[in-house]
Amino acid sequence: MHLEIDSHSSNEEFARVTAAVFMSRMNPTMEELEDVKTAVSEAVTNAVIHGYSDEIGIIYIEARIEGEELIISVRDEGKGILDVEKAMEPMYTTDTTGERSGMGFSFMEAFMDEVEVESKVGCGTCVTMKKRIGREYMNKEQEEKETAEFYG
């Protein structure tokens, strides 16, 4: 799936719903749906607020399914992040007004299995998130583990 949206905060909900519809073919649980929607929301919000804070730009969202894994990338061509490692620390924010908590990346990491952030100042940021989806996969994995333990 390829989606391009303007960096208006009102488009964040559209991005969340689109991601949920895309992943519905994987038969996710409600919890998995909410996790992905929250992570996408945080990534898009970061692009709107930090990437394009003084202008309107394009946010590019790509999603694909590889086996039981959902992979979603949210990319902007905005300001970029000077220090990605620092930006990913909980409570870190560049907001001087006190309106932002600095928890966006922490939420993404909490709700997804893997989060990778690539950024270059003046060129933009790409957040790639991965999550394994589906009860069947988890049950099969547990069954294989128990079988292996039984037979030693």
N, C-alpha and C. Protein backbone atom coordinates (compact mmCIF):
# COMPACT_ATOMS: atom_id res chain seq x y z
N MET A 1 0.84 -1.17 0.00
CA MET A 1 0.00 0.00 0.00
C MET A 1 0.89 1.23 0.00
N HIS A 2 0.55 2.19 -0.83
CA HIS A 2 1.26 3.47 -0.88
C HIS A 2 0.22 4.56 -0.68
N LEU A 3 0.50 5.47 0.24
CA LEU A 3 -0.43 6.55 0.54
C LEU A 3 0.37 7.83 0.71
N GLU A 4 -0.12 8.91 0.11
CA GLU A 4 0.48 10.22 0.28
C GLU A 4 -0.59 11.15 0.82
N ILE A 5 -0.27 11.83 1.92
CA ILE A 5 -1.22 12.76 2.53
C ILE A 5 -0.52 14.08 2.81
N ASP A 6 -1.29 15.16 2.77
CA ASP A 6 -0.76 16.46 3.19
C ASP A 6 -0.54 16.44 4.69
N SER A 7 0.40 17.24 5.14
CA SER A 7 0.75 17.25 6.57
C SER A 7 -0.19 18.12 7.40
N HIS A 8 -1.48 17.95 7.19
CA HIS A 8 -2.50 18.58 8.04
C HIS A 8 -2.81 17.59 9.16
N SER A 9 -2.94 18.07 10.37
CA SER A 9 -3.21 17.17 11.49
C SER A 9 -4.52 16.41 11.30
N SER A 10 -5.45 16.95 10.53
CA SER A 10 -6.72 16.27 10.30
C SER A 10 -6.54 14.98 9.48
N ASN A 11 -5.42 14.83 8.79
CA ASN A 11 -5.18 13.62 7.99
C ASN A 11 -4.64 12.45 8.82
N GLU A 12 -4.29 12.71 10.07
CA GLU A 12 -3.76 11.66 10.94
C GLU A 12 -4.79 10.54 11.11
N GLU A 13 -6.04 10.89 11.32
CA GLU A 13 -7.08 9.87 11.49
C GLU A 13 -7.25 9.03 10.22
N PHE A 14 -7.19 9.67 9.06
CA PHE A 14 -7.29 8.95 7.79
C PHE A 14 -6.16 7.92 7.67
N ALA A 15 -4.95 8.31 8.05
CA ALA A 15 -3.80 7.40 7.99
C ALA A 15 -4.00 6.20 8.92
N ARG A 16 -4.51 6.46 10.13
CA ARG A 16 -4.76 5.37 11.10
C ARG A 16 -5.77 4.37 10.56
N VAL A 17 -6.88 4.88 10.04
CA VAL A 17 -7.95 4.02 9.55
C VAL A 17 -7.48 3.24 8.32
N THR A 18 -6.74 3.89 7.45
CA THR A 18 -6.22 3.21 6.25
C THR A 18 -5.30 2.06 6.64
N ALA A 19 -4.43 2.28 7.62
CA ALA A 19 -3.54 1.21 8.10
C ALA A 19 -4.35 0.05 8.67
N ALA A 20 -5.40 0.36 9.42
CA ALA A 20 -6.25 -0.68 10.01
C ALA A 20 -6.96 -1.50 8.94
N VAL A 21 -7.47 -0.83 7.92
CA VAL A 21 -8.15 -1.54 6.84
C VAL A 21 -7.15 -2.42 6.09
N PHE A 22 -5.95 -1.89 5.83
CA PHE A 22 -4.93 -2.67 5.13
C PHE A 22 -4.58 -3.94 5.89
N MET A 23 -4.40 -3.85 7.20
CA MET A 23 -3.98 -5.01 7.98
C MET A 23 -5.13 -5.97 8.29
N SER A 24 -6.35 -5.59 7.99
CA SER A 24 -7.51 -6.44 8.33
C SER A 24 -7.44 -7.81 7.66
N ARG A 25 -6.78 -7.91 6.52
CA ARG A 25 -6.64 -9.21 5.84
C ARG A 25 -5.80 -10.20 6.64
N MET A 26 -5.08 -9.70 7.66
CA MET A 26 -4.25 -10.56 8.49
C MET A 26 -5.03 -11.14 9.67
N ASN A 27 -6.30 -10.77 9.77
CA ASN A 27 -7.17 -11.22 10.86
C ASN A 27 -6.59 -10.86 12.24
N PRO A 28 -6.29 -9.57 12.45
CA PRO A 28 -5.70 -9.16 13.73
C PRO A 28 -6.73 -9.14 14.85
N THR A 29 -6.22 -9.19 16.06
CA THR A 29 -7.08 -9.00 17.23
C THR A 29 -7.38 -7.51 17.35
N MET A 30 -8.37 -7.16 18.16
CA MET A 30 -8.68 -5.75 18.38
C MET A 30 -7.48 -5.03 19.00
N GLU A 31 -6.78 -5.72 19.89
CA GLU A 31 -5.61 -5.13 20.53
C GLU A 31 -4.52 -4.83 19.49
N GLU A 32 -4.30 -5.77 18.57
CA GLU A 32 -3.30 -5.54 17.53
C GLU A 32 -3.70 -4.36 16.63
N LEU A 33 -4.98 -4.28 16.29
CA LEU A 33 -5.47 -3.15 15.49
C LEU A 33 -5.21 -1.82 16.20
N GLU A 34 -5.55 -1.76 17.47
CA GLU A 34 -5.37 -0.53 18.24
C GLU A 34 -3.89 -0.17 18.38
N ASP A 35 -3.04 -1.19 18.59
CA ASP A 35 -1.60 -0.94 18.70
C ASP A 35 -1.06 -0.28 17.44
N VAL A 36 -1.40 -0.85 16.29
CA VAL A 36 -0.90 -0.33 15.02
C VAL A 36 -1.47 1.06 14.75
N LYS A 37 -2.75 1.25 15.00
CA LYS A 37 -3.36 2.56 14.78
C LYS A 37 -2.69 3.63 15.65
N THR A 38 -2.38 3.29 16.89
CA THR A 38 -1.72 4.24 17.79
C THR A 38 -0.32 4.57 17.29
N ALA A 39 0.43 3.55 16.89
CA ALA A 39 1.80 3.77 16.40
C ALA A 39 1.80 4.63 15.14
N VAL A 40 0.89 4.34 14.21
CA VAL A 40 0.80 5.14 12.98
C VAL A 40 0.42 6.58 13.32
N SER A 41 -0.50 6.74 14.23
CA SER A 41 -0.92 8.07 14.66
C SER A 41 0.26 8.87 15.20
N GLU A 42 1.07 8.24 16.03
CA GLU A 42 2.24 8.92 16.61
C GLU A 42 3.25 9.30 15.53
N ALA A 43 3.50 8.39 14.59
CA ALA A 43 4.47 8.66 13.53
C ALA A 43 4.00 9.80 12.63
N VAL A 44 2.72 9.78 12.26
CA VAL A 44 2.17 10.84 11.41
C VAL A 44 2.17 12.17 12.16
N THR A 45 1.78 12.14 13.42
CA THR A 45 1.78 13.36 14.23
C THR A 45 3.18 13.96 14.34
N ASN A 46 4.19 13.11 14.52
CA ASN A 46 5.57 13.61 14.55
C ASN A 46 5.94 14.30 13.24
N ALA A 47 5.54 13.70 12.12
CA ALA A 47 5.84 14.31 10.81
C ALA A 47 5.15 15.66 10.67
N VAL A 48 3.91 15.75 11.11
CA VAL A 48 3.15 17.00 11.01
C VAL A 48 3.78 18.08 11.90
N ILE A 49 4.02 17.73 13.16
CA ILE A 49 4.45 18.73 14.14
C ILE A 49 5.93 19.07 14.04
N HIS A 50 6.76 18.05 13.87
CA HIS A 50 8.21 18.28 13.87
C HIS A 50 8.80 18.38 12.47
N GLY A 51 8.39 17.50 11.58
CA GLY A 51 8.94 17.50 10.23
C GLY A 51 8.55 18.74 9.45
N TYR A 52 7.28 19.07 9.50
CA TYR A 52 6.75 20.18 8.71
C TYR A 52 6.13 21.26 9.60
N SER A 53 6.77 21.61 10.68
CA SER A 53 6.17 22.52 11.65
C SER A 53 5.79 23.89 11.07
N ASP A 54 6.54 24.38 10.12
CA ASP A 54 6.28 25.72 9.57
C ASP A 54 5.71 25.71 8.16
N GLU A 55 5.38 24.53 7.66
CA GLU A 55 4.93 24.43 6.27
C GLU A 55 4.04 23.20 6.09
N ILE A 56 3.41 23.13 4.94
CA ILE A 56 2.63 21.95 4.59
C ILE A 56 3.48 21.14 3.60
N GLY A 57 3.65 19.86 3.90
CA GLY A 57 4.41 18.98 3.04
C GLY A 57 3.66 17.68 2.83
N ILE A 58 4.31 16.74 2.22
CA ILE A 58 3.70 15.43 1.95
C ILE A 58 4.26 14.41 2.93
N ILE A 59 3.37 13.60 3.48
CA ILE A 59 3.76 12.46 4.32
C ILE A 59 3.49 11.21 3.49
N TYR A 60 4.49 10.37 3.38
CA TYR A 60 4.41 9.14 2.58
C TYR A 60 4.27 7.96 3.53
N ILE A 61 3.25 7.16 3.32
CA ILE A 61 3.02 5.98 4.16
C ILE A 61 3.02 4.75 3.26
N GLU A 62 3.83 3.79 3.62
CA GLU A 62 3.88 2.53 2.88
C GLU A 62 3.64 1.40 3.87
N ALA A 63 2.90 0.39 3.42
CA ALA A 63 2.66 -0.78 4.26
C ALA A 63 2.74 -2.03 3.40
N ARG A 64 3.27 -3.08 4.01
CA ARG A 64 3.32 -4.37 3.32
C ARG A 64 3.24 -5.48 4.35
N ILE A 65 2.91 -6.65 3.86
CA ILE A 65 2.81 -7.83 4.72
C ILE A 65 3.85 -8.83 4.25
N GLU A 66 4.65 -9.31 5.18
CA GLU A 66 5.63 -10.35 4.90
C GLU A 66 5.38 -11.48 5.88
N GLY A 67 4.74 -12.54 5.41
CA GLY A 67 4.38 -13.64 6.30
C GLY A 67 3.39 -13.17 7.34
N GLU A 68 3.75 -13.29 8.61
CA GLU A 68 2.88 -12.85 9.71
C GLU A 68 3.26 -11.46 10.21
N GLU A 69 4.10 -10.77 9.46
CA GLU A 69 4.60 -9.48 9.92
C GLU A 69 4.06 -8.33 9.07
N LEU A 70 3.56 -7.32 9.75
CA LEU A 70 3.12 -6.08 9.12
C LEU A 70 4.27 -5.08 9.22
N ILE A 71 4.61 -4.46 8.11
CA ILE A 71 5.68 -3.47 8.08
C ILE A 71 5.10 -2.16 7.55
N ILE A 72 5.22 -1.11 8.34
CA ILE A 72 4.69 0.20 7.95
C ILE A 72 5.79 1.24 8.07
N SER A 73 5.94 2.04 7.02
CA SER A 73 6.90 3.15 7.03
C SER A 73 6.15 4.46 6.87
N VAL A 74 6.54 5.44 7.68
CA VAL A 74 5.99 6.79 7.60
C VAL A 74 7.17 7.72 7.35
N ARG A 75 7.13 8.42 6.22
CA ARG A 75 8.28 9.24 5.82
C ARG A 75 7.85 10.67 5.49
N ASP A 76 8.70 11.61 5.89
CA ASP A 76 8.48 13.00 5.50
C ASP A 76 9.76 13.54 4.89
N GLU A 77 9.66 14.66 4.23
CA GLU A 77 10.82 15.34 3.65
C GLU A 77 10.99 16.69 4.34
N GLY A 78 10.79 16.66 5.64
CA GLY A 78 10.83 17.88 6.44
C GLY A 78 12.20 18.20 6.99
N LYS A 79 12.20 18.72 8.22
CA LYS A 79 13.41 19.24 8.85
C LYS A 79 14.44 18.19 9.21
N GLY A 80 14.00 16.97 9.52
CA GLY A 80 14.92 15.94 9.97
C GLY A 80 15.21 16.06 11.46
N ILE A 81 15.89 15.07 11.99
CA ILE A 81 16.21 15.02 13.42
C ILE A 81 17.72 15.08 13.58
N LEU A 82 18.18 16.01 14.39
CA LEU A 82 19.61 16.20 14.61
C LEU A 82 20.23 14.98 15.31
N ASP A 83 19.59 14.50 16.37
CA ASP A 83 20.12 13.38 17.16
C ASP A 83 19.00 12.36 17.39
N VAL A 84 18.92 11.35 16.53
CA VAL A 84 17.85 10.36 16.60
C VAL A 84 17.86 9.62 17.93
N GLU A 85 19.05 9.23 18.38
CA GLU A 85 19.16 8.49 19.65
C GLU A 85 18.56 9.29 20.80
N LYS A 86 18.89 10.56 20.86
CA LYS A 86 18.37 11.43 21.92
C LYS A 86 16.85 11.61 21.76
N ALA A 87 16.39 11.79 20.53
CA ALA A 87 14.97 12.00 20.27
C ALA A 87 14.13 10.79 20.68
N MET A 88 14.73 9.61 20.68
CA MET A 88 13.98 8.40 21.03
C MET A 88 13.94 8.14 22.53
N GLU A 89 14.63 8.96 23.31
CA GLU A 89 14.58 8.82 24.77
C GLU A 89 13.20 9.25 25.28
N PRO A 90 12.64 8.50 26.24
CA PRO A 90 11.34 8.90 26.80
C PRO A 90 11.41 10.31 27.40
N MET A 91 10.38 11.08 27.17
CA MET A 91 10.21 12.43 27.71
C MET A 91 11.08 13.48 27.01
N TYR A 92 11.88 13.09 26.02
CA TYR A 92 12.68 14.08 25.31
C TYR A 92 11.78 14.84 24.34
N THR A 93 11.84 16.14 24.38
CA THR A 93 11.07 16.96 23.45
C THR A 93 11.82 18.24 23.14
N THR A 94 11.63 18.73 21.94
CA THR A 94 12.20 20.02 21.56
C THR A 94 11.17 21.12 21.75
N ASP A 95 9.98 20.75 22.20
CA ASP A 95 8.88 21.70 22.41
C ASP A 95 9.15 22.55 23.65
N THR A 96 9.21 23.84 23.45
CA THR A 96 9.47 24.75 24.58
C THR A 96 8.18 25.27 25.21
N THR A 97 7.03 24.96 24.62
CA THR A 97 5.75 25.45 25.15
C THR A 97 5.21 24.54 26.25
N GLY A 98 5.72 23.32 26.34
CA GLY A 98 5.22 22.38 27.33
C GLY A 98 3.97 21.64 26.89
N GLU A 99 3.57 21.82 25.64
CA GLU A 99 2.37 21.15 25.13
C GLU A 99 2.63 19.71 24.71
N ARG A 100 3.87 19.36 24.43
CA ARG A 100 4.22 18.02 23.95
C ARG A 100 4.98 17.26 25.03
N SER A 101 4.67 15.97 25.16
CA SER A 101 5.25 15.17 26.24
C SER A 101 6.55 14.48 25.87
N GLY A 102 6.86 14.36 24.59
CA GLY A 102 8.08 13.67 24.20
C GLY A 102 7.95 12.16 24.29
N MET A 103 6.74 11.64 24.15
CA MET A 103 6.51 10.19 24.30
C MET A 103 6.18 9.49 22.97
N GLY A 104 6.21 10.21 21.86
CA GLY A 104 5.82 9.62 20.57
C GLY A 104 6.58 8.37 20.21
N PHE A 105 7.92 8.45 20.23
CA PHE A 105 8.72 7.27 19.89
C PHE A 105 8.55 6.17 20.93
N SER A 106 8.41 6.55 22.19
CA SER A 106 8.20 5.55 23.25
C SER A 106 6.91 4.78 23.03
N PHE A 107 5.85 5.48 22.62
CA PHE A 107 4.59 4.80 22.32
C PHE A 107 4.75 3.86 21.13
N MET A 108 5.44 4.33 20.09
CA MET A 108 5.65 3.46 18.92
C MET A 108 6.39 2.19 19.33
N GLU A 109 7.43 2.34 20.14
CA GLU A 109 8.21 1.18 20.58
C GLU A 109 7.39 0.26 21.48
N ALA A 110 6.48 0.83 22.28
CA ALA A 110 5.66 0.02 23.18
C ALA A 110 4.62 -0.80 22.41
N PHE A 111 4.10 -0.26 21.32
CA PHE A 111 3.01 -0.92 20.61
C PHE A 111 3.46 -1.77 19.43
N MET A 112 4.68 -1.59 18.97
CA MET A 112 5.19 -2.35 17.83
C MET A 112 6.34 -3.24 18.29
N ASP A 113 6.65 -4.26 17.50
CA ASP A 113 7.74 -5.17 17.85
C ASP A 113 9.10 -4.56 17.55
N GLU A 114 9.15 -3.72 16.54
CA GLU A 114 10.42 -3.12 16.13
C GLU A 114 10.15 -1.74 15.55
N VAL A 115 11.01 -0.78 15.90
CA VAL A 115 10.91 0.58 15.36
C VAL A 115 12.31 1.03 14.96
N GLU A 116 12.43 1.48 13.71
CA GLU A 116 13.71 1.99 13.21
C GLU A 116 13.48 3.41 12.69
N VAL A 117 14.37 4.31 13.08
CA VAL A 117 14.24 5.70 12.65
C VAL A 117 15.50 6.11 11.91
N GLU A 118 15.30 6.60 10.68
CA GLU A 118 16.40 7.14 9.89
C GLU A 118 16.07 8.60 9.60
N SER A 119 17.06 9.46 9.78
CA SER A 119 16.79 10.88 9.58
C SER A 119 18.05 11.62 9.16
N LYS A 120 17.84 12.66 8.38
CA LYS A 120 18.94 13.53 7.98
C LYS A 120 18.42 14.96 8.05
N VAL A 121 19.15 15.79 8.77
CA VAL A 121 18.74 17.18 8.94
C VAL A 121 18.61 17.84 7.56
N GLY A 122 17.47 18.49 7.36
CA GLY A 122 17.20 19.17 6.11
C GLY A 122 16.62 18.29 5.02
N CYS A 123 16.58 16.98 5.26
CA CYS A 123 16.09 16.04 4.24
C CYS A 123 14.85 15.27 4.68
N GLY A 124 14.66 15.10 5.98
CA GLY A 124 13.48 14.40 6.46
C GLY A 124 13.78 13.18 7.30
N THR A 125 12.70 12.47 7.63
CA THR A 125 12.75 11.34 8.55
C THR A 125 11.89 10.21 8.02
N CYS A 126 12.36 8.98 8.24
CA CYS A 126 11.57 7.79 7.91
C CYS A 126 11.51 6.90 9.14
N VAL A 127 10.29 6.58 9.58
CA VAL A 127 10.07 5.69 10.71
C VAL A 127 9.50 4.39 10.15
N THR A 128 10.21 3.28 10.36
CA THR A 128 9.75 1.97 9.91
C THR A 128 9.40 1.14 11.13
N MET A 129 8.17 0.63 11.14
CA MET A 129 7.66 -0.13 12.29
C MET A 129 7.23 -1.51 11.84
N LYS A 130 7.52 -2.51 12.68
CA LYS A 130 7.14 -3.89 12.36
C LYS A 130 6.36 -4.49 13.52
N LYS A 131 5.38 -5.33 13.16
CA LYS A 131 4.59 -6.02 14.18
C LYS A 131 4.12 -7.36 13.64
N ARG A 132 4.33 -8.42 14.42
CA ARG A 132 3.77 -9.73 14.08
C ARG A 132 2.30 -9.72 14.43
N ILE A 133 1.51 -10.25 13.52
CA ILE A 133 0.06 -10.19 13.66
C ILE A 133 -0.53 -11.59 13.60
N GLY A 134 -1.57 -11.81 14.39
CA GLY A 134 -2.38 -13.01 14.25
C GLY A 134 -2.25 -14.01 15.38
N ARG A 135 -3.40 -14.42 15.86
CA ARG A 135 -3.47 -15.43 16.93
C ARG A 135 -2.95 -16.78 16.46
N GLU A 136 -3.28 -17.14 15.22
CA GLU A 136 -2.86 -18.45 14.72
C GLU A 136 -1.36 -18.60 14.80
N TYR A 137 -0.64 -17.57 14.39
CA TYR A 137 0.81 -17.63 14.41
C TYR A 137 1.31 -17.82 15.83
N MET A 138 0.76 -17.06 16.76
CA MET A 138 1.20 -17.15 18.15
C MET A 138 0.87 -18.52 18.73
N ASN A 139 -0.31 -19.04 18.43
CA ASN A 139 -0.69 -20.35 18.94
C ASN A 139 0.21 -21.45 18.37
N LYS A 140 0.52 -21.36 17.09
CA LYS A 140 1.39 -22.34 16.45
C LYS A 140 2.78 -22.30 17.08
N GLU A 141 3.28 -21.10 17.32
CA GLU A 141 4.59 -20.94 17.94
C GLU A 141 4.60 -21.58 19.34
N GLN A 142 3.57 -21.32 20.12
CA GLN A 142 3.46 -21.89 21.46
C GLN A 142 3.38 -23.41 21.39
N GLU A 143 2.60 -23.93 20.44
CA GLU A 143 2.45 -25.38 20.28
C GLU A 143 3.80 -26.02 19.94
N GLU A 144 4.55 -25.40 19.04
CA GLU A 144 5.87 -25.93 18.67
C GLU A 144 6.81 -25.92 19.86
N LYS A 145 6.76 -24.88 20.66
CA LYS A 145 7.61 -24.77 21.85
C LYS A 145 7.28 -25.88 22.84
N GLU A 146 5.99 -26.08 23.09
CA GLU A 146 5.56 -27.12 24.03
C GLU A 146 5.92 -28.51 23.53
N THR A 147 5.79 -28.74 22.23
CA THR A 147 6.15 -30.03 21.65
C THR A 147 7.64 -30.28 21.81
N ALA A 148 8.45 -29.27 21.55
CA ALA A 148 9.90 -29.40 21.69
C ALA A 148 10.29 -29.68 23.13
N GLU A 149 9.62 -29.02 24.08
CA GLU A 149 9.91 -29.25 25.49
C GLU A 149 9.51 -30.67 25.91
N PHE A 150 8.39 -31.16 25.38
CA PHE A 150 7.90 -32.49 25.73
C PHE A 150 8.87 -33.57 25.26
N TYR A 151 9.36 -33.43 24.02
CA TYR A 151 10.24 -34.45 23.45
C TYR A 151 11.71 -34.20 23.78
N GLY A 152 11.96 -33.11 24.48
CA GLY A 152 13.29 -32.82 24.99
C GLY A 152 14.28 -32.53 23.96
